[in-house]
């Protein structure tokens, strides 16, 4: 992913108002992010634990998505699988995150969701730059580049659902 500025991030949101985008908290470490290793920029809102944000390239466009985290899973659930990067995590390491759809569909209350790494570090897990706590990645025959392409494809499919 190419490095993005605060201005680009705030202008990219497709499922919230301009006012909401102007007020949302941005990561303070934008300059230190490993942009070459990111397929998307994701962060949690530290002041609102049920909110997260994702910014990704979609073709030539940068698309920002406001996400809501579902309440915690049932206590009996031992491991979960991220639907973007296919990393397994114990207990709360994967969370159902939902996003209002873009445009009229979102204003009518329609949303899409996916199970994703709670820390939104999918790109780093795929590349082996970060390891999940007590979790694992499948031992795959795909190369890292093929896994990155699969991750990008799953992310693109999620973003496409926002416009469907």
N, C-alpha and C. Protein backbone atom coordinates (compact mmCIF):
# COMPACT_ATOMS: atom_id res chain seq x y z
N UNK A 1 0.85 -1.18 0.00
CA UNK A 1 0.00 0.00 0.00
C UNK A 1 0.89 1.24 0.00
N UNK A 2 0.45 2.25 -0.70
CA UNK A 2 1.16 3.52 -0.68
C UNK A 2 0.81 4.26 0.61
N UNK A 3 1.78 5.00 1.13
CA UNK A 3 1.53 5.80 2.32
C UNK A 3 0.41 6.80 2.03
N UNK A 4 -0.45 7.00 3.00
CA UNK A 4 -1.55 7.94 2.84
C UNK A 4 -1.46 9.03 3.92
N UNK A 5 -1.96 10.18 3.58
CA UNK A 5 -1.93 11.32 4.50
C UNK A 5 -3.23 11.39 5.29
N UNK A 6 -3.21 12.21 6.32
CA UNK A 6 -4.43 12.42 7.11
C UNK A 6 -5.55 12.94 6.23
N UNK A 7 -5.25 13.86 5.36
CA UNK A 7 -6.26 14.44 4.47
C UNK A 7 -6.88 13.37 3.57
N UNK A 8 -6.03 12.51 2.99
CA UNK A 8 -6.52 11.44 2.13
C UNK A 8 -7.38 10.47 2.91
N UNK A 9 -6.93 10.12 4.11
CA UNK A 9 -7.69 9.19 4.94
C UNK A 9 -9.08 9.75 5.23
N UNK A 10 -9.15 10.97 5.69
CA UNK A 10 -10.44 11.56 6.07
C UNK A 10 -11.38 11.70 4.87
N UNK A 11 -10.83 11.96 3.70
CA UNK A 11 -11.65 12.11 2.49
C UNK A 11 -12.08 10.77 1.90
N UNK A 12 -11.49 9.67 2.37
CA UNK A 12 -11.72 8.37 1.75
C UNK A 12 -12.96 7.63 2.26
N UNK A 13 -13.52 8.03 3.38
CA UNK A 13 -14.59 7.24 4.00
C UNK A 13 -15.87 7.25 3.18
N UNK A 14 -16.38 6.04 2.93
CA UNK A 14 -17.55 5.88 2.07
C UNK A 14 -18.81 5.53 2.85
N UNK A 15 -18.69 5.24 4.14
CA UNK A 15 -19.87 4.81 4.88
C UNK A 15 -20.11 5.63 6.15
N UNK A 16 -19.64 6.86 6.15
CA UNK A 16 -19.97 7.78 7.24
C UNK A 16 -19.98 9.20 6.67
N UNK A 17 -20.52 10.10 7.42
CA UNK A 17 -20.63 11.48 6.94
C UNK A 17 -19.25 12.15 6.96
N UNK A 18 -19.15 13.27 6.25
CA UNK A 18 -17.90 14.04 6.25
C UNK A 18 -17.58 14.53 7.66
N UNK A 19 -18.60 14.89 8.40
CA UNK A 19 -18.40 15.33 9.78
C UNK A 19 -17.85 14.22 10.65
N UNK A 20 -18.41 13.02 10.51
CA UNK A 20 -17.91 11.88 11.28
C UNK A 20 -16.46 11.58 10.89
N UNK A 21 -16.16 11.61 9.60
CA UNK A 21 -14.80 11.35 9.13
C UNK A 21 -13.82 12.40 9.67
N UNK A 22 -14.27 13.63 9.77
CA UNK A 22 -13.41 14.71 10.27
C UNK A 22 -13.10 14.54 11.76
N UNK A 23 -14.02 13.90 12.50
CA UNK A 23 -13.86 13.75 13.95
C UNK A 23 -13.19 12.45 14.38
N UNK A 24 -13.14 11.46 13.50
CA UNK A 24 -12.62 10.17 13.96
C UNK A 24 -11.13 10.25 14.26
N UNK A 25 -10.69 9.50 15.27
CA UNK A 25 -9.28 9.55 15.66
C UNK A 25 -8.42 8.76 14.66
N UNK A 26 -7.30 9.34 14.30
CA UNK A 26 -6.37 8.67 13.39
C UNK A 26 -5.20 8.10 14.17
N UNK A 27 -4.54 7.09 13.62
CA UNK A 27 -3.35 6.58 14.31
C UNK A 27 -2.28 7.68 14.37
N UNK A 28 -1.60 7.74 15.48
CA UNK A 28 -0.58 8.78 15.66
C UNK A 28 0.74 8.40 14.99
N UNK A 29 0.86 7.15 14.59
CA UNK A 29 2.14 6.67 14.05
C UNK A 29 2.10 6.47 12.53
N UNK A 30 1.35 7.29 11.82
CA UNK A 30 1.25 7.13 10.37
C UNK A 30 2.61 7.12 9.69
N UNK A 31 3.51 7.98 10.10
CA UNK A 31 4.83 8.07 9.47
C UNK A 31 5.67 6.82 9.71
N UNK A 32 5.41 6.10 10.80
CA UNK A 32 6.20 4.92 11.13
C UNK A 32 5.60 3.60 10.64
N UNK A 33 4.44 3.66 10.04
CA UNK A 33 3.80 2.42 9.57
C UNK A 33 4.64 1.76 8.48
N UNK A 34 4.68 0.43 8.45
CA UNK A 34 5.45 -0.28 7.42
C UNK A 34 4.66 -0.37 6.11
N UNK A 35 4.49 0.74 5.43
CA UNK A 35 3.61 0.85 4.28
C UNK A 35 3.86 -0.22 3.22
N UNK A 36 5.11 -0.56 2.97
CA UNK A 36 5.42 -1.57 1.94
C UNK A 36 4.89 -2.94 2.31
N UNK A 37 4.65 -3.17 3.60
CA UNK A 37 4.14 -4.47 4.06
C UNK A 37 2.65 -4.46 4.34
N UNK A 38 1.96 -3.38 4.04
CA UNK A 38 0.53 -3.28 4.34
C UNK A 38 -0.32 -3.42 3.07
N UNK A 39 -1.38 -4.21 3.19
CA UNK A 39 -2.39 -4.30 2.15
C UNK A 39 -3.52 -3.33 2.46
N UNK A 40 -3.62 -2.92 3.72
CA UNK A 40 -4.58 -1.92 4.16
C UNK A 40 -4.10 -1.34 5.47
N UNK A 41 -4.58 -0.16 5.78
CA UNK A 41 -4.31 0.48 7.06
C UNK A 41 -5.52 0.22 7.94
N UNK A 42 -5.30 -0.39 9.07
CA UNK A 42 -6.40 -0.66 9.99
C UNK A 42 -6.02 -0.24 11.40
N UNK A 43 -6.98 0.32 12.14
CA UNK A 43 -6.73 0.71 13.51
C UNK A 43 -8.02 0.71 14.30
N UNK A 44 -7.84 0.55 15.61
CA UNK A 44 -8.96 0.57 16.54
C UNK A 44 -9.07 1.95 17.15
N UNK A 45 -10.27 2.33 17.53
CA UNK A 45 -10.53 3.60 18.22
C UNK A 45 -10.35 3.35 19.71
N UNK A 46 -9.28 3.89 20.28
CA UNK A 46 -8.99 3.64 21.69
C UNK A 46 -10.02 4.26 22.62
N UNK A 47 -10.71 5.30 22.17
CA UNK A 47 -11.72 5.94 23.01
C UNK A 47 -13.09 5.28 22.89
N UNK A 48 -13.27 4.44 21.88
CA UNK A 48 -14.53 3.72 21.69
C UNK A 48 -14.19 2.29 21.28
N UNK A 49 -14.11 1.37 22.22
CA UNK A 49 -13.64 0.01 21.94
C UNK A 49 -14.47 -0.78 20.92
N UNK A 50 -15.66 -0.30 20.61
CA UNK A 50 -16.49 -1.02 19.63
C UNK A 50 -16.32 -0.47 18.21
N UNK A 51 -15.32 0.40 18.00
CA UNK A 51 -15.12 1.00 16.68
C UNK A 51 -13.72 0.71 16.15
N UNK A 52 -13.65 0.53 14.85
CA UNK A 52 -12.37 0.36 14.16
C UNK A 52 -12.51 0.97 12.77
N UNK A 53 -11.38 1.15 12.10
CA UNK A 53 -11.37 1.79 10.79
C UNK A 53 -10.40 1.05 9.88
N UNK A 54 -10.73 1.03 8.63
CA UNK A 54 -9.91 0.36 7.62
C UNK A 54 -9.83 1.27 6.40
N UNK A 55 -8.62 1.47 5.88
CA UNK A 55 -8.41 2.26 4.67
C UNK A 55 -7.58 1.41 3.72
N UNK A 56 -8.06 1.28 2.48
CA UNK A 56 -7.40 0.43 1.50
C UNK A 56 -7.48 1.05 0.12
N UNK A 57 -6.60 0.58 -0.74
CA UNK A 57 -6.66 0.98 -2.14
C UNK A 57 -7.67 0.08 -2.84
N UNK A 58 -8.52 0.68 -3.64
CA UNK A 58 -9.50 -0.05 -4.45
C UNK A 58 -9.36 0.50 -5.86
N UNK A 59 -8.58 -0.19 -6.66
CA UNK A 59 -8.23 0.34 -7.97
C UNK A 59 -7.33 1.55 -7.77
N UNK A 60 -7.68 2.65 -8.38
CA UNK A 60 -6.91 3.89 -8.25
C UNK A 60 -7.40 4.75 -7.09
N UNK A 61 -8.43 4.28 -6.41
CA UNK A 61 -9.09 5.04 -5.36
C UNK A 61 -8.67 4.53 -3.98
N UNK A 62 -8.66 5.41 -2.99
CA UNK A 62 -8.47 5.02 -1.59
C UNK A 62 -9.84 5.03 -0.93
N UNK A 63 -10.18 3.92 -0.28
CA UNK A 63 -11.50 3.75 0.33
C UNK A 63 -11.33 3.54 1.83
N UNK A 64 -12.04 4.34 2.60
CA UNK A 64 -12.05 4.21 4.04
C UNK A 64 -13.38 3.64 4.51
N UNK A 65 -13.33 2.79 5.52
CA UNK A 65 -14.52 2.12 6.02
C UNK A 65 -14.55 2.21 7.55
N UNK A 66 -15.64 2.72 8.09
CA UNK A 66 -15.87 2.72 9.53
C UNK A 66 -16.49 1.37 9.89
N UNK A 67 -15.95 0.73 10.90
CA UNK A 67 -16.39 -0.61 11.32
C UNK A 67 -16.90 -0.58 12.75
N UNK A 68 -17.83 -1.48 13.03
CA UNK A 68 -18.31 -1.71 14.40
C UNK A 68 -17.94 -3.13 14.78
N UNK A 69 -17.43 -3.29 15.98
CA UNK A 69 -17.09 -4.61 16.48
C UNK A 69 -18.28 -5.20 17.20
N UNK A 70 -18.56 -6.45 16.93
CA UNK A 70 -19.65 -7.15 17.60
C UNK A 70 -19.26 -7.38 19.05
N UNK A 71 -20.25 -7.60 19.89
CA UNK A 71 -19.95 -7.93 21.28
C UNK A 71 -19.17 -9.24 21.31
N UNK A 72 -18.48 -9.46 22.37
CA UNK A 72 -17.59 -10.63 22.49
C UNK A 72 -18.31 -11.94 22.22
N UNK A 73 -17.53 -12.89 21.71
CA UNK A 73 -18.01 -14.21 21.36
C UNK A 73 -18.39 -15.01 22.62
N UNK A 74 -19.06 -16.10 22.41
CA UNK A 74 -19.42 -17.00 23.50
C UNK A 74 -18.14 -17.54 24.15
N UNK A 75 -18.18 -17.75 25.44
CA UNK A 75 -17.00 -18.18 26.19
C UNK A 75 -16.48 -19.54 25.73
N UNK A 76 -17.32 -20.38 25.17
CA UNK A 76 -16.90 -21.71 24.76
C UNK A 76 -16.04 -21.73 23.51
N UNK A 77 -16.03 -20.66 22.77
CA UNK A 77 -15.25 -20.60 21.54
C UNK A 77 -13.77 -20.52 21.88
N UNK A 78 -13.01 -21.48 21.39
CA UNK A 78 -11.60 -21.55 21.75
C UNK A 78 -10.69 -20.85 20.74
N UNK A 79 -10.94 -21.04 19.47
CA UNK A 79 -10.11 -20.46 18.41
C UNK A 79 -11.02 -19.92 17.32
N UNK A 80 -10.52 -18.88 16.66
CA UNK A 80 -11.26 -18.30 15.55
C UNK A 80 -10.31 -18.09 14.39
N UNK A 81 -10.88 -18.04 13.19
CA UNK A 81 -10.11 -17.88 11.96
C UNK A 81 -10.47 -16.56 11.30
N UNK A 82 -9.47 -15.75 11.00
CA UNK A 82 -9.69 -14.49 10.29
C UNK A 82 -10.07 -14.81 8.85
N UNK A 83 -11.12 -14.20 8.36
CA UNK A 83 -11.57 -14.49 7.00
C UNK A 83 -10.76 -13.75 5.94
N UNK A 84 -9.91 -12.82 6.34
CA UNK A 84 -9.06 -12.09 5.38
C UNK A 84 -7.71 -12.79 5.21
N UNK A 85 -7.01 -13.05 6.32
CA UNK A 85 -5.65 -13.59 6.22
C UNK A 85 -5.52 -15.06 6.61
N UNK A 86 -6.60 -15.66 7.09
CA UNK A 86 -6.62 -17.06 7.50
C UNK A 86 -5.65 -17.37 8.63
N UNK A 87 -5.51 -16.44 9.56
CA UNK A 87 -4.73 -16.65 10.77
C UNK A 87 -5.70 -17.07 11.87
N UNK A 88 -5.30 -18.07 12.65
CA UNK A 88 -6.13 -18.48 13.78
C UNK A 88 -5.63 -17.74 15.03
N UNK A 89 -6.58 -17.39 15.87
CA UNK A 89 -6.29 -16.69 17.12
C UNK A 89 -7.10 -17.33 18.22
N UNK A 90 -6.59 -17.28 19.45
CA UNK A 90 -7.39 -17.75 20.58
C UNK A 90 -8.42 -16.69 20.98
N UNK A 91 -9.54 -17.15 21.50
CA UNK A 91 -10.57 -16.32 22.09
C UNK A 91 -10.87 -15.03 21.34
N UNK A 92 -10.45 -13.88 21.87
CA UNK A 92 -10.87 -12.61 21.29
C UNK A 92 -9.94 -12.08 20.20
N UNK A 93 -9.07 -12.90 19.64
CA UNK A 93 -8.14 -12.46 18.61
C UNK A 93 -8.79 -12.23 17.25
N UNK A 94 -10.00 -12.75 17.06
CA UNK A 94 -10.77 -12.52 15.83
C UNK A 94 -12.14 -12.00 16.26
N UNK A 95 -12.60 -10.95 15.59
CA UNK A 95 -13.86 -10.32 15.95
C UNK A 95 -14.71 -10.11 14.70
N UNK A 96 -16.01 -10.27 14.85
CA UNK A 96 -16.92 -9.92 13.77
C UNK A 96 -16.99 -8.39 13.71
N UNK A 97 -16.62 -7.84 12.55
CA UNK A 97 -16.70 -6.40 12.34
C UNK A 97 -17.68 -6.15 11.22
N UNK A 98 -18.56 -5.19 11.44
CA UNK A 98 -19.57 -4.87 10.43
C UNK A 98 -19.38 -3.43 9.97
N UNK A 99 -19.78 -3.20 8.73
CA UNK A 99 -19.69 -1.87 8.14
C UNK A 99 -21.00 -1.55 7.45
N UNK A 100 -21.49 -0.33 7.67
CA UNK A 100 -22.64 0.12 6.90
C UNK A 100 -22.24 0.15 5.43
N UNK A 101 -23.19 -0.20 4.58
CA UNK A 101 -22.92 -0.11 3.14
C UNK A 101 -22.81 1.35 2.73
N UNK A 102 -22.17 1.56 1.60
CA UNK A 102 -22.03 2.92 1.06
C UNK A 102 -23.36 3.38 0.46
N UNK A 103 -23.59 4.67 0.46
CA UNK A 103 -24.75 5.26 -0.22
C UNK A 103 -26.08 5.00 0.45
N UNK A 104 -27.11 4.93 -0.39
CA UNK A 104 -28.49 4.80 0.09
C UNK A 104 -28.69 3.51 0.88
N UNK A 105 -28.06 2.43 0.45
CA UNK A 105 -28.23 1.15 1.15
C UNK A 105 -27.77 1.27 2.60
N UNK A 106 -26.66 1.96 2.83
CA UNK A 106 -26.16 2.15 4.18
C UNK A 106 -27.06 3.04 5.00
N UNK A 107 -27.61 4.08 4.37
CA UNK A 107 -28.54 4.97 5.09
C UNK A 107 -29.82 4.25 5.47
N UNK A 108 -30.15 3.19 4.73
CA UNK A 108 -31.33 2.38 5.06
C UNK A 108 -31.02 1.31 6.11
N UNK A 109 -29.77 1.25 6.55
CA UNK A 109 -29.41 0.31 7.61
C UNK A 109 -28.76 -0.98 7.15
N UNK A 110 -28.50 -1.12 5.87
CA UNK A 110 -27.86 -2.34 5.38
C UNK A 110 -26.37 -2.33 5.70
N UNK A 111 -25.85 -3.51 6.03
CA UNK A 111 -24.44 -3.61 6.39
C UNK A 111 -23.87 -4.94 5.92
N UNK A 112 -22.56 -5.03 5.94
CA UNK A 112 -21.85 -6.27 5.64
C UNK A 112 -20.86 -6.50 6.77
N UNK A 113 -20.48 -7.73 6.96
CA UNK A 113 -19.55 -8.04 8.04
C UNK A 113 -18.58 -9.13 7.66
N UNK A 114 -17.52 -9.23 8.45
CA UNK A 114 -16.55 -10.29 8.27
C UNK A 114 -15.81 -10.50 9.58
N UNK A 115 -15.31 -11.71 9.74
CA UNK A 115 -14.49 -12.03 10.90
C UNK A 115 -13.06 -11.66 10.54
N UNK A 116 -12.46 -10.79 11.33
CA UNK A 116 -11.13 -10.28 11.01
C UNK A 116 -10.28 -10.21 12.29
N UNK A 117 -8.96 -10.26 12.11
CA UNK A 117 -8.06 -10.13 13.25
C UNK A 117 -8.42 -8.87 14.02
N UNK A 118 -8.62 -8.99 15.31
CA UNK A 118 -9.04 -7.88 16.14
C UNK A 118 -8.06 -6.71 16.08
N UNK A 119 -6.78 -7.01 15.92
CA UNK A 119 -5.78 -5.94 15.85
C UNK A 119 -5.59 -5.40 14.43
N UNK A 120 -6.29 -5.97 13.45
CA UNK A 120 -6.25 -5.53 12.06
C UNK A 120 -4.84 -5.59 11.45
N UNK A 121 -4.02 -6.51 11.92
CA UNK A 121 -2.65 -6.66 11.41
C UNK A 121 -2.52 -7.83 10.44
N UNK A 122 -3.56 -8.10 9.69
CA UNK A 122 -3.58 -9.22 8.74
C UNK A 122 -2.37 -9.22 7.82
N UNK A 123 -2.02 -8.07 7.27
CA UNK A 123 -0.91 -7.97 6.33
C UNK A 123 0.39 -8.45 6.96
N UNK A 124 0.61 -8.13 8.22
CA UNK A 124 1.84 -8.52 8.90
C UNK A 124 1.86 -10.01 9.22
N UNK A 125 0.70 -10.59 9.54
CA UNK A 125 0.63 -12.03 9.78
C UNK A 125 0.95 -12.81 8.51
N UNK A 126 0.38 -12.40 7.39
CA UNK A 126 0.60 -13.09 6.13
C UNK A 126 2.08 -13.08 5.75
N UNK A 127 2.74 -11.98 6.00
CA UNK A 127 4.14 -11.82 5.62
C UNK A 127 5.10 -12.39 6.66
N UNK A 128 4.58 -12.89 7.78
CA UNK A 128 5.43 -13.44 8.82
C UNK A 128 6.14 -12.38 9.65
N UNK A 129 5.69 -11.13 9.57
CA UNK A 129 6.31 -10.02 10.31
C UNK A 129 5.76 -9.95 11.74
N UNK A 130 4.64 -10.62 11.96
CA UNK A 130 4.02 -10.65 13.28
C UNK A 130 3.44 -12.04 13.49
N UNK A 131 3.53 -12.54 14.69
CA UNK A 131 2.98 -13.85 15.03
C UNK A 131 1.82 -13.66 16.00
N UNK A 132 0.75 -14.43 15.79
CA UNK A 132 -0.38 -14.32 16.72
C UNK A 132 -0.03 -14.94 18.08
N UNK A 133 -0.56 -14.33 19.14
CA UNK A 133 -0.36 -14.89 20.47
C UNK A 133 -1.09 -16.22 20.57
N UNK A 134 -0.37 -17.27 20.80
CA UNK A 134 -0.94 -18.61 20.96
C UNK A 134 -1.77 -19.07 19.77
N UNK A 135 -1.75 -18.36 18.70
CA UNK A 135 -2.47 -18.76 17.51
C UNK A 135 -1.49 -19.30 16.48
N UNK A 136 -1.94 -19.47 15.26
CA UNK A 136 -1.06 -20.03 14.25
C UNK A 136 -1.54 -19.64 12.86
N UNK A 137 -0.66 -19.82 11.92
CA UNK A 137 -1.01 -19.71 10.51
C UNK A 137 -0.93 -21.12 9.97
N UNK A 138 -1.79 -21.44 9.05
CA UNK A 138 -1.75 -22.76 8.44
C UNK A 138 -0.44 -22.95 7.69
N UNK A 139 0.06 -24.16 7.70
CA UNK A 139 1.23 -24.49 6.89
C UNK A 139 0.72 -24.73 5.48
N UNK A 140 0.95 -23.78 4.60
CA UNK A 140 0.37 -23.82 3.26
C UNK A 140 1.42 -24.10 2.20
N UNK A 141 0.96 -24.59 1.08
CA UNK A 141 1.84 -24.79 -0.06
C UNK A 141 1.96 -23.54 -0.91
N UNK A 142 1.08 -22.58 -0.67
CA UNK A 142 1.14 -21.33 -1.40
C UNK A 142 2.38 -20.53 -0.97
N UNK A 143 2.97 -19.82 -1.91
CA UNK A 143 4.06 -18.93 -1.56
C UNK A 143 3.50 -17.74 -0.79
N UNK A 144 4.38 -17.00 -0.15
CA UNK A 144 3.94 -15.80 0.57
C UNK A 144 3.27 -14.83 -0.40
N UNK A 145 3.83 -14.69 -1.61
CA UNK A 145 3.24 -13.79 -2.61
C UNK A 145 1.82 -14.24 -2.98
N UNK A 146 1.61 -15.54 -3.11
CA UNK A 146 0.27 -16.06 -3.42
C UNK A 146 -0.68 -15.83 -2.25
N UNK A 147 -0.19 -15.95 -1.03
CA UNK A 147 -1.02 -15.68 0.15
C UNK A 147 -1.38 -14.20 0.22
N UNK A 148 -0.44 -13.34 -0.14
CA UNK A 148 -0.71 -11.90 -0.16
C UNK A 148 -1.79 -11.60 -1.19
N UNK A 149 -1.68 -12.21 -2.37
CA UNK A 149 -2.70 -11.99 -3.41
C UNK A 149 -4.07 -12.49 -2.95
N UNK A 150 -4.11 -13.62 -2.26
CA UNK A 150 -5.38 -14.13 -1.74
C UNK A 150 -5.95 -13.16 -0.70
N UNK A 151 -5.10 -12.65 0.18
CA UNK A 151 -5.54 -11.68 1.19
C UNK A 151 -6.11 -10.44 0.52
N UNK A 152 -5.42 -9.93 -0.48
CA UNK A 152 -5.90 -8.75 -1.21
C UNK A 152 -7.23 -9.05 -1.91
N UNK A 153 -7.37 -10.26 -2.44
CA UNK A 153 -8.62 -10.64 -3.09
C UNK A 153 -9.78 -10.69 -2.11
N UNK A 154 -9.55 -11.22 -0.92
CA UNK A 154 -10.60 -11.27 0.10
C UNK A 154 -10.97 -9.87 0.58
N UNK A 155 -9.97 -9.01 0.71
CA UNK A 155 -10.23 -7.63 1.10
C UNK A 155 -11.03 -6.92 0.01
N UNK A 156 -10.66 -7.12 -1.24
CA UNK A 156 -11.38 -6.50 -2.37
C UNK A 156 -12.82 -6.98 -2.42
N UNK A 157 -13.04 -8.25 -2.16
CA UNK A 157 -14.41 -8.79 -2.16
C UNK A 157 -15.24 -8.13 -1.06
N UNK A 158 -14.65 -7.91 0.10
CA UNK A 158 -15.36 -7.24 1.19
C UNK A 158 -15.70 -5.80 0.77
N UNK A 159 -14.72 -5.08 0.22
CA UNK A 159 -14.97 -3.71 -0.21
C UNK A 159 -16.04 -3.65 -1.29
N UNK A 160 -16.02 -4.61 -2.21
CA UNK A 160 -17.05 -4.65 -3.26
C UNK A 160 -18.45 -4.81 -2.67
N UNK A 161 -18.56 -5.56 -1.59
CA UNK A 161 -19.87 -5.76 -0.94
C UNK A 161 -20.44 -4.45 -0.40
N UNK A 162 -19.58 -3.50 -0.09
CA UNK A 162 -20.05 -2.22 0.43
C UNK A 162 -20.85 -1.45 -0.61
N UNK A 163 -20.56 -1.72 -1.88
CA UNK A 163 -21.21 -1.01 -2.97
C UNK A 163 -22.34 -1.81 -3.61
N UNK A 164 -22.49 -3.07 -3.22
CA UNK A 164 -23.51 -3.93 -3.84
C UNK A 164 -24.89 -3.64 -3.33
